[in-house]
Amino acid sequence: MASEQAERLVKTVERHADGRISSVELVQLVARIKETKVNLQSKFEQYDQDNTGFVKPEDAVIIMSQEFHGLPQSSIQAMVQRYDRDHNGMVDFGEIIEFYACLKAKSHELEVRFNDLDRDASGVLEPEELFQILQAECALKDFQVHSLVEDFDVNKDGKIDRSEFLYMWTNLFG
């Protein structure tokens, strides 16, 4: 699993499609990580007003919801509970960082999955584009796929956009 994650990281960072990260790309990656950490630290401190080094789980959910707009609250809440490593009912900054990294990886995987399904690169999925994957993953029939599209098509345009896909996929597959 770690080698798969490393390969995905390399693919997101490297620009030359040679499977290697140049020193410039590595410097850029480190800068993005530092920027993200500073941003999260700032948000964390907004909710840790008494400087205890901890925030309430519901505050962690708010912080992560600001970072990952399309993910359902229920998914974020479940993950916050899972990342309370010391089981003290509070979330420290280290737990926030772990949680963020997990959500970022999941978000990236879903983005890749969406792009794979979006064969015409329109930015939306037609029911036909969803049919094959939902049939393979869930053994669904045509009418069931159309029913799912109706259920998760928030703007009722008959298609699934990226945020609707994120919501649908996390609800169906966790």
N, C-alpha and C. Protein backbone atom coordinates (compact mmCIF):
# COMPACT_ATOMS: atom_id res chain seq x y z
N MET A 1 0.82 -1.19 0.00
CA MET A 1 0.00 0.00 0.00
C MET A 1 0.87 1.26 0.00
N ALA A 2 1.95 1.26 0.76
CA ALA A 2 2.80 2.44 0.83
C ALA A 2 3.44 2.73 -0.53
N SER A 3 3.82 1.67 -1.27
CA SER A 3 4.43 1.91 -2.58
C SER A 3 3.41 2.48 -3.56
N GLU A 4 2.13 2.07 -3.46
CA GLU A 4 1.08 2.64 -4.30
C GLU A 4 0.91 4.13 -3.99
N GLN A 5 0.92 4.46 -2.70
CA GLN A 5 0.78 5.86 -2.30
C GLN A 5 1.97 6.67 -2.81
N ALA A 6 3.17 6.10 -2.73
CA ALA A 6 4.36 6.79 -3.22
C ALA A 6 4.27 7.01 -4.73
N GLU A 7 3.81 6.00 -5.45
CA GLU A 7 3.67 6.14 -6.90
C GLU A 7 2.66 7.24 -7.25
N ARG A 8 1.54 7.28 -6.50
CA ARG A 8 0.54 8.33 -6.76
C ARG A 8 1.12 9.70 -6.47
N LEU A 9 1.90 9.81 -5.39
CA LEU A 9 2.53 11.09 -5.06
C LEU A 9 3.46 11.52 -6.18
N VAL A 10 4.28 10.61 -6.66
CA VAL A 10 5.20 10.93 -7.74
C VAL A 10 4.43 11.42 -8.96
N LYS A 11 3.34 10.74 -9.30
CA LYS A 11 2.54 11.13 -10.48
C LYS A 11 1.95 12.52 -10.33
N THR A 12 1.58 12.90 -9.10
CA THR A 12 0.98 14.22 -8.92
C THR A 12 2.02 15.34 -8.92
N VAL A 13 3.27 15.00 -8.62
CA VAL A 13 4.31 16.02 -8.48
C VAL A 13 5.18 16.14 -9.72
N GLU A 14 5.57 15.01 -10.29
CA GLU A 14 6.53 15.05 -11.39
C GLU A 14 5.87 15.55 -12.67
N ARG A 15 6.63 16.29 -13.45
CA ARG A 15 6.10 16.95 -14.64
C ARG A 15 6.57 16.30 -15.95
N HIS A 16 7.57 15.44 -15.88
CA HIS A 16 8.18 14.92 -17.10
C HIS A 16 7.73 13.50 -17.45
N ALA A 17 6.79 12.94 -16.69
CA ALA A 17 6.25 11.60 -16.94
C ALA A 17 7.34 10.54 -17.04
N ASP A 18 8.40 10.73 -16.26
CA ASP A 18 9.46 9.73 -16.27
C ASP A 18 9.49 8.91 -14.98
N GLY A 19 8.52 9.18 -14.08
CA GLY A 19 8.44 8.42 -12.83
C GLY A 19 9.42 8.88 -11.77
N ARG A 20 10.05 10.01 -11.99
CA ARG A 20 11.02 10.52 -11.01
C ARG A 20 10.70 11.99 -10.69
N ILE A 21 11.04 12.39 -9.49
CA ILE A 21 10.82 13.77 -9.06
C ILE A 21 12.15 14.50 -9.12
N SER A 22 12.17 15.62 -9.82
CA SER A 22 13.39 16.43 -9.90
C SER A 22 13.56 17.21 -8.61
N SER A 23 14.73 17.78 -8.42
CA SER A 23 14.98 18.57 -7.21
C SER A 23 14.06 19.79 -7.17
N VAL A 24 13.79 20.39 -8.31
CA VAL A 24 12.89 21.55 -8.37
C VAL A 24 11.47 21.13 -7.95
N GLU A 25 11.01 19.99 -8.48
CA GLU A 25 9.68 19.49 -8.12
C GLU A 25 9.60 19.15 -6.63
N LEU A 26 10.69 18.61 -6.09
CA LEU A 26 10.72 18.29 -4.67
C LEU A 26 10.65 19.56 -3.82
N VAL A 27 11.38 20.58 -4.21
CA VAL A 27 11.34 21.86 -3.50
C VAL A 27 9.93 22.44 -3.55
N GLN A 28 9.28 22.35 -4.72
CA GLN A 28 7.91 22.85 -4.85
C GLN A 28 6.94 22.06 -3.96
N LEU A 29 7.12 20.75 -3.89
CA LEU A 29 6.27 19.91 -3.05
C LEU A 29 6.45 20.28 -1.58
N VAL A 30 7.69 20.44 -1.14
CA VAL A 30 7.95 20.81 0.25
C VAL A 30 7.33 22.17 0.56
N ALA A 31 7.41 23.10 -0.37
CA ALA A 31 6.81 24.43 -0.17
C ALA A 31 5.30 24.32 -0.03
N ARG A 32 4.65 23.48 -0.86
CA ARG A 32 3.20 23.30 -0.76
C ARG A 32 2.81 22.65 0.57
N ILE A 33 3.61 21.69 1.02
CA ILE A 33 3.33 21.03 2.30
C ILE A 33 3.44 22.05 3.44
N LYS A 34 4.50 22.86 3.42
CA LYS A 34 4.68 23.87 4.46
C LYS A 34 3.53 24.88 4.45
N GLU A 35 3.13 25.30 3.26
CA GLU A 35 2.03 26.26 3.13
C GLU A 35 0.73 25.67 3.70
N THR A 36 0.48 24.42 3.38
CA THR A 36 -0.72 23.74 3.88
C THR A 36 -0.67 23.64 5.40
N LYS A 37 0.49 23.29 5.94
CA LYS A 37 0.63 23.16 7.40
C LYS A 37 0.39 24.50 8.09
N VAL A 38 0.93 25.58 7.53
CA VAL A 38 0.73 26.91 8.10
C VAL A 38 -0.76 27.28 8.05
N ASN A 39 -1.41 27.00 6.94
CA ASN A 39 -2.83 27.28 6.78
C ASN A 39 -3.65 26.50 7.82
N LEU A 40 -3.36 25.20 7.96
CA LEU A 40 -4.08 24.38 8.94
C LEU A 40 -3.80 24.85 10.36
N GLN A 41 -2.55 25.22 10.64
CA GLN A 41 -2.18 25.70 11.98
C GLN A 41 -2.98 26.95 12.33
N SER A 42 -3.12 27.85 11.36
CA SER A 42 -3.89 29.07 11.57
C SER A 42 -5.35 28.76 11.88
N LYS A 43 -5.94 27.86 11.10
CA LYS A 43 -7.33 27.48 11.34
C LYS A 43 -7.48 26.78 12.68
N PHE A 44 -6.52 25.91 13.00
CA PHE A 44 -6.55 25.19 14.27
C PHE A 44 -6.52 26.18 15.44
N GLU A 45 -5.64 27.17 15.34
CA GLU A 45 -5.50 28.16 16.41
C GLU A 45 -6.76 29.00 16.60
N GLN A 46 -7.53 29.21 15.52
CA GLN A 46 -8.79 29.94 15.65
C GLN A 46 -9.75 29.22 16.59
N TYR A 47 -9.71 27.90 16.58
CA TYR A 47 -10.62 27.11 17.42
C TYR A 47 -10.00 26.72 18.75
N ASP A 48 -8.68 26.80 18.85
CA ASP A 48 -7.98 26.52 20.12
C ASP A 48 -7.70 27.84 20.82
N GLN A 49 -8.78 28.54 21.19
CA GLN A 49 -8.64 29.89 21.73
C GLN A 49 -8.00 29.92 23.11
N ASP A 50 -8.07 28.81 23.84
CA ASP A 50 -7.44 28.79 25.17
C ASP A 50 -6.04 28.19 25.13
N ASN A 51 -5.51 27.96 23.92
CA ASN A 51 -4.14 27.47 23.71
C ASN A 51 -3.82 26.18 24.45
N THR A 52 -4.75 25.25 24.48
CA THR A 52 -4.51 23.96 25.13
C THR A 52 -3.82 22.97 24.19
N GLY A 53 -3.83 23.28 22.89
CA GLY A 53 -3.27 22.35 21.92
C GLY A 53 -4.30 21.35 21.41
N PHE A 54 -5.58 21.58 21.80
CA PHE A 54 -6.65 20.68 21.39
C PHE A 54 -7.85 21.48 20.91
N VAL A 55 -8.62 20.86 20.00
CA VAL A 55 -9.91 21.42 19.60
C VAL A 55 -10.95 20.32 19.77
N LYS A 56 -12.20 20.76 19.88
CA LYS A 56 -13.29 19.80 19.98
C LYS A 56 -13.47 19.10 18.64
N PRO A 57 -13.96 17.87 18.66
CA PRO A 57 -14.18 17.14 17.40
C PRO A 57 -15.05 17.92 16.42
N GLU A 58 -16.08 18.59 16.92
CA GLU A 58 -16.95 19.35 16.02
C GLU A 58 -16.21 20.51 15.36
N ASP A 59 -15.20 21.07 16.06
CA ASP A 59 -14.38 22.12 15.45
C ASP A 59 -13.46 21.53 14.38
N ALA A 60 -12.95 20.33 14.62
CA ALA A 60 -12.12 19.65 13.61
C ALA A 60 -12.94 19.39 12.35
N VAL A 61 -14.21 19.04 12.53
CA VAL A 61 -15.10 18.80 11.39
C VAL A 61 -15.26 20.10 10.59
N ILE A 62 -15.42 21.22 11.28
CA ILE A 62 -15.56 22.52 10.61
C ILE A 62 -14.30 22.84 9.82
N ILE A 63 -13.14 22.64 10.45
CA ILE A 63 -11.86 22.92 9.79
C ILE A 63 -11.74 22.09 8.51
N MET A 64 -12.02 20.81 8.61
CA MET A 64 -11.88 19.93 7.45
C MET A 64 -12.96 20.20 6.40
N SER A 65 -14.14 20.60 6.84
CA SER A 65 -15.20 20.93 5.87
C SER A 65 -14.81 22.14 5.04
N GLN A 66 -14.06 23.05 5.64
CA GLN A 66 -13.58 24.22 4.89
C GLN A 66 -12.55 23.82 3.84
N GLU A 67 -11.80 22.77 4.12
CA GLU A 67 -10.77 22.31 3.19
C GLU A 67 -11.32 21.38 2.11
N PHE A 68 -12.34 20.60 2.45
CA PHE A 68 -12.88 19.58 1.55
C PHE A 68 -14.38 19.79 1.41
N HIS A 69 -14.75 20.73 0.56
CA HIS A 69 -16.14 21.19 0.43
C HIS A 69 -17.10 20.09 0.01
N GLY A 70 -16.69 19.17 -0.85
CA GLY A 70 -17.63 18.19 -1.38
C GLY A 70 -17.89 16.99 -0.50
N LEU A 71 -17.04 16.76 0.49
CA LEU A 71 -17.22 15.57 1.32
C LEU A 71 -18.38 15.74 2.28
N PRO A 72 -19.19 14.70 2.42
CA PRO A 72 -20.33 14.78 3.34
C PRO A 72 -19.86 14.93 4.79
N GLN A 73 -20.62 15.70 5.56
CA GLN A 73 -20.32 15.92 6.98
C GLN A 73 -20.18 14.59 7.72
N SER A 74 -21.05 13.64 7.40
CA SER A 74 -21.03 12.35 8.11
C SER A 74 -19.71 11.62 7.89
N SER A 75 -19.15 11.71 6.69
CA SER A 75 -17.86 11.07 6.42
C SER A 75 -16.75 11.75 7.22
N ILE A 76 -16.78 13.07 7.24
CA ILE A 76 -15.76 13.81 7.98
C ILE A 76 -15.87 13.51 9.48
N GLN A 77 -17.09 13.49 10.00
CA GLN A 77 -17.28 13.19 11.42
C GLN A 77 -16.75 11.81 11.77
N ALA A 78 -17.03 10.82 10.94
CA ALA A 78 -16.54 9.46 11.20
C ALA A 78 -15.02 9.42 11.20
N MET A 79 -14.41 10.17 10.27
CA MET A 79 -12.95 10.17 10.19
C MET A 79 -12.34 10.90 11.38
N VAL A 80 -12.98 11.97 11.84
CA VAL A 80 -12.47 12.68 13.02
C VAL A 80 -12.42 11.72 14.21
N GLN A 81 -13.46 10.96 14.40
CA GLN A 81 -13.47 9.99 15.50
C GLN A 81 -12.35 8.97 15.34
N ARG A 82 -12.12 8.51 14.12
CA ARG A 82 -11.08 7.52 13.87
C ARG A 82 -9.69 8.10 14.12
N TYR A 83 -9.50 9.39 13.88
CA TYR A 83 -8.18 10.00 14.05
C TYR A 83 -7.93 10.54 15.44
N ASP A 84 -8.84 10.35 16.36
CA ASP A 84 -8.59 10.68 17.77
C ASP A 84 -7.76 9.53 18.34
N ARG A 85 -6.47 9.53 18.03
CA ARG A 85 -5.57 8.41 18.33
C ARG A 85 -5.46 8.10 19.83
N ASP A 86 -5.49 9.15 20.65
CA ASP A 86 -5.34 8.90 22.09
C ASP A 86 -6.68 8.76 22.80
N HIS A 87 -7.76 8.79 22.03
CA HIS A 87 -9.13 8.56 22.54
C HIS A 87 -9.50 9.45 23.72
N ASN A 88 -9.07 10.71 23.64
CA ASN A 88 -9.37 11.63 24.74
C ASN A 88 -10.58 12.53 24.41
N GLY A 89 -11.22 12.30 23.28
CA GLY A 89 -12.38 13.09 22.91
C GLY A 89 -12.04 14.47 22.39
N MET A 90 -10.76 14.76 22.22
CA MET A 90 -10.30 16.02 21.67
C MET A 90 -9.35 15.73 20.52
N VAL A 91 -9.09 16.74 19.69
CA VAL A 91 -8.24 16.56 18.52
C VAL A 91 -7.06 17.51 18.64
N ASP A 92 -5.84 16.96 18.60
CA ASP A 92 -4.66 17.83 18.63
C ASP A 92 -4.19 18.11 17.20
N PHE A 93 -3.20 18.98 17.06
CA PHE A 93 -2.78 19.40 15.73
C PHE A 93 -2.18 18.23 14.93
N GLY A 94 -1.45 17.35 15.58
CA GLY A 94 -0.90 16.18 14.90
C GLY A 94 -2.00 15.31 14.31
N GLU A 95 -3.09 15.16 15.05
CA GLU A 95 -4.23 14.39 14.55
C GLU A 95 -4.88 15.09 13.36
N ILE A 96 -4.93 16.42 13.41
CA ILE A 96 -5.47 17.21 12.29
C ILE A 96 -4.62 16.97 11.04
N ILE A 97 -3.31 16.98 11.20
CA ILE A 97 -2.41 16.78 10.06
C ILE A 97 -2.62 15.39 9.46
N GLU A 98 -2.68 14.36 10.30
CA GLU A 98 -2.92 13.00 9.81
C GLU A 98 -4.26 12.92 9.08
N PHE A 99 -5.24 13.52 9.70
CA PHE A 99 -6.59 13.52 9.15
C PHE A 99 -6.61 14.22 7.79
N TYR A 100 -5.96 15.37 7.70
CA TYR A 100 -5.88 16.12 6.46
C TYR A 100 -5.21 15.28 5.37
N ALA A 101 -4.08 14.65 5.71
CA ALA A 101 -3.36 13.85 4.72
C ALA A 101 -4.23 12.71 4.19
N CYS A 102 -4.98 12.07 5.08
CA CYS A 102 -5.87 10.99 4.66
C CYS A 102 -6.96 11.51 3.74
N LEU A 103 -7.59 12.62 4.13
CA LEU A 103 -8.65 13.20 3.30
C LEU A 103 -8.11 13.67 1.95
N LYS A 104 -6.92 14.24 1.96
CA LYS A 104 -6.32 14.72 0.72
C LYS A 104 -6.07 13.54 -0.22
N ALA A 105 -5.56 12.43 0.32
CA ALA A 105 -5.31 11.25 -0.50
C ALA A 105 -6.62 10.70 -1.04
N LYS A 106 -7.64 10.63 -0.19
CA LYS A 106 -8.95 10.13 -0.63
C LYS A 106 -9.53 11.06 -1.70
N SER A 107 -9.43 12.34 -1.46
CA SER A 107 -9.93 13.32 -2.41
C SER A 107 -9.23 13.18 -3.76
N HIS A 108 -7.92 12.98 -3.71
CA HIS A 108 -7.15 12.83 -4.95
C HIS A 108 -7.57 11.55 -5.69
N GLU A 109 -7.74 10.47 -4.95
CA GLU A 109 -8.18 9.21 -5.57
C GLU A 109 -9.53 9.37 -6.25
N LEU A 110 -10.44 10.09 -5.60
CA LEU A 110 -11.75 10.31 -6.19
C LEU A 110 -11.67 11.21 -7.41
N GLU A 111 -10.77 12.17 -7.38
CA GLU A 111 -10.57 13.05 -8.53
C GLU A 111 -10.05 12.24 -9.72
N VAL A 112 -9.11 11.34 -9.46
CA VAL A 112 -8.59 10.47 -10.52
C VAL A 112 -9.70 9.58 -11.05
N ARG A 113 -10.50 9.02 -10.15
CA ARG A 113 -11.61 8.15 -10.56
C ARG A 113 -12.60 8.93 -11.42
N PHE A 114 -12.94 10.16 -10.98
CA PHE A 114 -13.86 10.99 -11.76
C PHE A 114 -13.30 11.24 -13.16
N ASN A 115 -12.02 11.63 -13.23
CA ASN A 115 -11.41 11.92 -14.53
C ASN A 115 -11.38 10.69 -15.43
N ASP A 116 -11.16 9.51 -14.85
CA ASP A 116 -11.19 8.27 -15.63
C ASP A 116 -12.58 8.03 -16.22
N LEU A 117 -13.60 8.31 -15.42
CA LEU A 117 -14.98 8.07 -15.87
C LEU A 117 -15.46 9.13 -16.86
N ASP A 118 -14.95 10.32 -16.73
CA ASP A 118 -15.36 11.44 -17.58
C ASP A 118 -14.64 11.36 -18.92
N ARG A 119 -15.04 10.40 -19.73
CA ARG A 119 -14.34 10.09 -20.99
C ARG A 119 -14.31 11.27 -21.96
N ASP A 120 -15.36 12.08 -21.96
CA ASP A 120 -15.40 13.21 -22.89
C ASP A 120 -14.83 14.49 -22.29
N ALA A 121 -14.30 14.40 -21.06
CA ALA A 121 -13.67 15.53 -20.36
C ALA A 121 -14.60 16.74 -20.27
N SER A 122 -15.89 16.48 -20.09
CA SER A 122 -16.87 17.57 -20.01
C SER A 122 -16.98 18.16 -18.61
N GLY A 123 -16.42 17.48 -17.62
CA GLY A 123 -16.54 17.96 -16.24
C GLY A 123 -17.79 17.46 -15.54
N VAL A 124 -18.60 16.70 -16.25
CA VAL A 124 -19.78 16.07 -15.68
C VAL A 124 -19.86 14.63 -16.19
N LEU A 125 -20.52 13.78 -15.41
CA LEU A 125 -20.70 12.39 -15.81
C LEU A 125 -22.13 12.16 -16.24
N GLU A 126 -22.27 11.64 -17.43
CA GLU A 126 -23.57 11.22 -17.92
C GLU A 126 -23.88 9.87 -17.26
N PRO A 127 -25.15 9.50 -17.13
CA PRO A 127 -25.47 8.19 -16.57
C PRO A 127 -24.74 7.05 -17.28
N GLU A 128 -24.54 7.18 -18.59
CA GLU A 128 -23.84 6.15 -19.35
C GLU A 128 -22.39 6.00 -18.91
N GLU A 129 -21.76 7.11 -18.53
CA GLU A 129 -20.37 7.06 -18.07
C GLU A 129 -20.28 6.38 -16.70
N LEU A 130 -21.33 6.50 -15.91
CA LEU A 130 -21.35 5.87 -14.59
C LEU A 130 -21.76 4.40 -14.65
N PHE A 131 -22.49 4.04 -15.68
CA PHE A 131 -23.07 2.71 -15.75
C PHE A 131 -22.03 1.61 -15.59
N GLN A 132 -20.96 1.68 -16.37
CA GLN A 132 -19.97 0.61 -16.37
C GLN A 132 -19.34 0.41 -14.99
N ILE A 133 -18.93 1.48 -14.34
CA ILE A 133 -18.27 1.34 -13.04
C ILE A 133 -19.26 0.89 -11.97
N LEU A 134 -20.46 1.44 -11.98
CA LEU A 134 -21.44 1.04 -10.97
C LEU A 134 -21.92 -0.39 -11.20
N GLN A 135 -21.95 -0.81 -12.43
CA GLN A 135 -22.32 -2.19 -12.71
C GLN A 135 -21.21 -3.11 -12.18
N ALA A 136 -19.96 -2.76 -12.43
CA ALA A 136 -18.84 -3.59 -11.98
C ALA A 136 -18.69 -3.58 -10.46
N GLU A 137 -18.81 -2.40 -9.83
CA GLU A 137 -18.58 -2.28 -8.39
C GLU A 137 -19.79 -2.72 -7.56
N CYS A 138 -20.98 -2.51 -8.10
CA CYS A 138 -22.20 -2.75 -7.30
C CYS A 138 -23.18 -3.72 -7.96
N ALA A 139 -22.85 -4.19 -9.16
CA ALA A 139 -23.75 -5.08 -9.91
C ALA A 139 -25.13 -4.44 -10.10
N LEU A 140 -25.14 -3.16 -10.48
CA LEU A 140 -26.39 -2.44 -10.68
C LEU A 140 -26.88 -2.57 -12.12
N LYS A 141 -28.17 -2.47 -12.26
CA LYS A 141 -28.80 -2.49 -13.59
C LYS A 141 -29.03 -1.04 -14.04
N ASP A 142 -29.37 -0.87 -15.33
CA ASP A 142 -29.59 0.46 -15.91
C ASP A 142 -30.50 1.33 -15.06
N PHE A 143 -31.67 0.82 -14.71
CA PHE A 143 -32.64 1.63 -13.97
C PHE A 143 -32.10 2.01 -12.60
N GLN A 144 -31.25 1.16 -11.99
CA GLN A 144 -30.68 1.47 -10.69
C GLN A 144 -29.65 2.60 -10.81
N VAL A 145 -28.85 2.56 -11.87
CA VAL A 145 -27.88 3.64 -12.10
C VAL A 145 -28.61 4.95 -12.30
N HIS A 146 -29.67 4.94 -13.11
CA HIS A 146 -30.46 6.16 -13.34
C HIS A 146 -31.08 6.65 -12.03
N SER A 147 -31.50 5.73 -11.20
CA SER A 147 -32.07 6.09 -9.90
C SER A 147 -31.01 6.75 -9.01
N LEU A 148 -29.79 6.19 -9.01
CA LEU A 148 -28.70 6.80 -8.24
C LEU A 148 -28.39 8.20 -8.74
N VAL A 149 -28.35 8.36 -10.06
CA VAL A 149 -28.09 9.68 -10.62
C VAL A 149 -29.16 10.65 -10.13
N GLU A 150 -30.41 10.24 -10.16
CA GLU A 150 -31.49 11.10 -9.66
C GLU A 150 -31.29 11.45 -8.19
N ASP A 151 -30.90 10.44 -7.39
CA ASP A 151 -30.73 10.66 -5.95
C ASP A 151 -29.59 11.62 -5.63
N PHE A 152 -28.49 11.54 -6.37
CA PHE A 152 -27.31 12.33 -6.05
C PHE A 152 -27.13 13.55 -6.95
N ASP A 153 -28.01 13.74 -7.89
CA ASP A 153 -27.96 14.89 -8.80
C ASP A 153 -28.61 16.09 -8.10
N VAL A 154 -27.82 16.79 -7.33
CA VAL A 154 -28.33 17.88 -6.50
C VAL A 154 -28.96 18.99 -7.34
N ASN A 155 -28.32 19.36 -8.45
CA ASN A 155 -28.86 20.46 -9.26
C ASN A 155 -29.87 19.99 -10.32
N LYS A 156 -30.17 18.71 -10.33
CA LYS A 156 -31.22 18.11 -11.18
C LYS A 156 -31.03 18.37 -12.67
N ASP A 157 -29.76 18.29 -13.12
CA ASP A 157 -29.50 18.45 -14.55
C ASP A 157 -29.36 17.11 -15.29
N GLY A 158 -29.57 16.01 -14.56
CA GLY A 158 -29.49 14.68 -15.17
C GLY A 158 -28.07 14.15 -15.29
N LYS A 159 -27.11 14.89 -14.73
CA LYS A 159 -25.70 14.51 -14.80
C LYS A 159 -25.10 14.62 -13.39
N ILE A 160 -23.94 14.05 -13.22
CA ILE A 160 -23.24 14.13 -11.94
C ILE A 160 -21.97 14.95 -12.13
N ASP A 161 -21.88 16.10 -11.44
CA ASP A 161 -20.67 16.91 -11.51
C ASP A 161 -19.68 16.42 -10.45
N ARG A 162 -18.52 17.05 -10.37
CA ARG A 162 -17.47 16.58 -9.45
C ARG A 162 -17.92 16.53 -8.00
N SER A 163 -18.56 17.58 -7.52
CA SER A 163 -18.96 17.59 -6.11
C SER A 163 -20.05 16.56 -5.85
N GLU A 164 -20.97 16.39 -6.79
CA GLU A 164 -22.00 15.37 -6.64
C GLU A 164 -21.38 13.97 -6.66
N PHE A 165 -20.36 13.79 -7.50
CA PHE A 165 -19.67 12.50 -7.56
C PHE A 165 -18.98 12.20 -6.23
N LEU A 166 -18.30 13.20 -5.69
CA LEU A 166 -17.62 13.03 -4.40
C LEU A 166 -18.63 12.60 -3.33
N TYR A 167 -19.74 13.29 -3.30
CA TYR A 167 -20.79 12.99 -2.34
C TYR A 167 -21.34 11.58 -2.56
N MET A 168 -21.62 11.24 -3.81
CA MET A 168 -22.17 9.93 -4.13
C MET A 168 -21.18 8.82 -3.76
N TRP A 169 -19.94 8.96 -4.19
CA TRP A 169 -18.96 7.90 -4.00
C TRP A 169 -18.68 7.67 -2.52
N THR A 170 -18.56 8.75 -1.74
CA THR A 170 -18.29 8.56 -0.30
C THR A 170 -19.49 7.96 0.40
N ASN A 171 -20.69 8.26 -0.06
CA ASN A 171 -21.88 7.65 0.53
C ASN A 171 -22.02 6.17 0.16
N LEU A 172 -21.63 5.84 -1.06
CA LEU A 172 -21.76 4.45 -1.50
C LEU A 172 -20.62 3.56 -0.99
N PHE A 173 -19.40 4.09 -0.99
CA PHE A 173 -18.23 3.25 -0.73
C PHE A 173 -17.40 3.68 0.48
N GLY A 174 -17.82 4.73 1.15
CA GLY A 174 -17.13 5.15 2.37
C GLY A 174 -15.92 5.97 2.18
